[in-house]
């Protein structure tokens, strides 16, 4: 079955960096666009970044533009979110997402906490 497993979250100081990974299985990864979302406590889930199936086209939310980068390695069936210059407001649970067989598929999320 379709599985998405995020990793790489943790506690980081403001200005620090993290790289999140999302390992996919159960579907032909290279054929599907992938997305990273985040959800902070008390807030709605927010689309952070999007990458095309081949990886050549990406889009980044204005709230993280210039600091976050999305990429993928289709040979490893993994999508990444490189997060630099982290701010307090980046604290959230980060999820990867795709749509397979007309259904949205989500990972379990990985927590990112930015704190001094």
Protein backbone atom coordinates (compact mmCIF):
# COMPACT_ATOMS: atom_id res chain seq x y z
CA UNK A 1 0.00 0.00 0.00
CA UNK A 2 0.99 3.63 -0.35
CA UNK A 3 3.28 4.75 2.44
CA UNK A 4 4.96 8.08 3.11
CA UNK A 5 7.40 8.26 6.01
CA UNK A 6 8.84 11.61 7.05
CA UNK A 7 12.01 12.05 9.06
CA UNK A 8 14.56 14.69 9.94
CA UNK A 9 12.58 16.93 12.25
CA UNK A 10 13.82 18.10 15.60
CA UNK A 11 14.69 21.04 17.80
CA UNK A 12 16.77 23.77 16.21
CA UNK A 13 17.77 27.29 17.18
CA UNK A 14 16.60 30.29 15.16
CA UNK A 15 18.81 30.71 12.13
CA UNK A 16 19.59 27.01 12.01
CA UNK A 17 18.93 24.44 9.31
CA UNK A 18 17.22 21.09 8.96
CA UNK A 19 16.64 18.75 6.07
CA UNK A 20 13.44 16.77 6.08
CA UNK A 21 13.08 13.54 4.12
CA UNK A 22 10.00 11.69 2.99
CA UNK A 23 10.50 8.09 1.88
CA UNK A 24 7.77 6.74 -0.37
CA UNK A 25 6.66 3.22 -1.18
CA UNK A 26 3.72 1.38 -2.68
CA UNK A 27 3.40 3.44 -5.85
CA UNK A 28 5.47 4.54 -8.85
CA UNK A 29 7.09 7.50 -7.13
CA UNK A 30 8.65 9.00 -10.26
CA UNK A 31 5.24 9.56 -11.83
CA UNK A 32 3.74 11.73 -9.09
CA UNK A 33 4.18 15.32 -7.94
CA UNK A 34 4.98 15.63 -4.27
CA UNK A 35 4.22 18.33 -1.73
CA UNK A 36 5.28 19.41 1.72
CA UNK A 37 2.68 20.88 4.05
CA UNK A 38 2.96 22.11 7.60
CA UNK A 39 0.55 22.67 10.44
CA UNK A 40 1.23 24.74 13.50
CA UNK A 41 -0.89 24.38 16.66
CA UNK A 42 -4.21 26.14 16.25
CA UNK A 43 -3.60 26.89 12.59
CA UNK A 44 -4.75 25.38 9.31
CA UNK A 45 -2.51 23.13 7.30
CA UNK A 46 -0.40 25.21 4.91
CA UNK A 47 1.16 24.18 1.58
CA UNK A 48 4.88 24.88 1.82
CA UNK A 49 6.38 23.46 -1.36
CA UNK A 50 5.52 21.48 -4.44
CA UNK A 51 7.69 19.54 -6.90
CA UNK A 52 6.82 17.96 -10.22
CA UNK A 53 7.22 14.27 -10.91
CA UNK A 54 10.53 14.74 -12.73
CA UNK A 55 11.75 17.37 -10.27
CA UNK A 56 12.37 20.17 -12.75
CA UNK A 57 9.45 22.33 -11.63
CA UNK A 58 9.07 23.54 -8.08
CA UNK A 59 7.05 26.12 -6.25
CA UNK A 60 7.58 27.51 -2.78
CA UNK A 61 5.21 29.36 -0.47
CA UNK A 62 5.93 33.06 -0.09
CA UNK A 63 6.28 32.54 3.65
CA UNK A 64 9.41 30.41 3.18
CA UNK A 65 10.70 31.56 -0.21
CA UNK A 66 14.44 32.07 -0.24
CA UNK A 67 14.89 29.88 2.83
CA UNK A 68 13.37 26.50 1.93
CA UNK A 69 14.13 24.28 -1.06
CA UNK A 70 12.28 21.19 -2.22
CA UNK A 71 14.01 18.44 -4.16
CA UNK A 72 13.61 14.77 -4.93
CA UNK A 73 15.63 11.71 -5.79
CA UNK A 74 13.47 9.37 -7.84
CA UNK A 75 16.07 6.61 -7.63
CA UNK A 76 15.66 6.67 -3.85
CA UNK A 77 11.91 7.38 -3.92
CA UNK A 78 12.50 10.25 -1.56
CA UNK A 79 11.50 13.91 -1.47
CA UNK A 80 13.40 16.43 0.61
CA UNK A 81 12.76 19.79 2.19
CA UNK A 82 15.90 21.78 2.96
CA UNK A 83 15.10 24.44 5.52
CA UNK A 84 17.58 27.21 6.20
CA UNK A 85 17.46 30.37 8.30
CA UNK A 86 14.70 28.87 10.42
CA UNK A 87 12.44 31.18 12.34
CA UNK A 88 10.22 30.70 15.38
CA UNK A 89 7.19 30.79 13.12
CA UNK A 90 8.45 27.75 11.21
CA UNK A 91 7.59 25.61 14.23
CA UNK A 92 5.05 23.05 13.03
CA UNK A 93 4.46 19.45 12.11
CA UNK A 94 5.62 18.91 8.54
CA UNK A 95 3.88 16.43 6.26
CA UNK A 96 4.60 15.13 2.81
CA UNK A 97 1.68 14.49 0.53
CA UNK A 98 0.77 13.13 -2.87
CA UNK A 99 -2.38 12.08 -4.68
CA UNK A 100 -2.55 8.47 -5.85
CA UNK A 101 -5.61 6.72 -7.25
CA UNK A 102 -7.76 9.81 -6.66
CA UNK A 103 -6.93 9.86 -2.96
CA UNK A 104 -4.74 12.22 -1.00
CA UNK A 105 -1.98 10.34 0.79
CA UNK A 106 -0.21 11.70 3.84
CA UNK A 107 2.68 10.72 6.00
CA UNK A 108 2.53 10.73 9.78
CA UNK A 109 4.42 14.01 9.99
CA UNK A 110 7.67 15.11 11.58
CA UNK A 111 7.86 17.82 14.23
CA UNK A 112 10.05 20.86 13.72
CA UNK A 113 10.54 23.12 16.71
CA UNK A 114 12.49 26.35 16.41
CA UNK A 115 13.46 27.60 19.82
CA UNK A 116 16.39 29.16 21.61
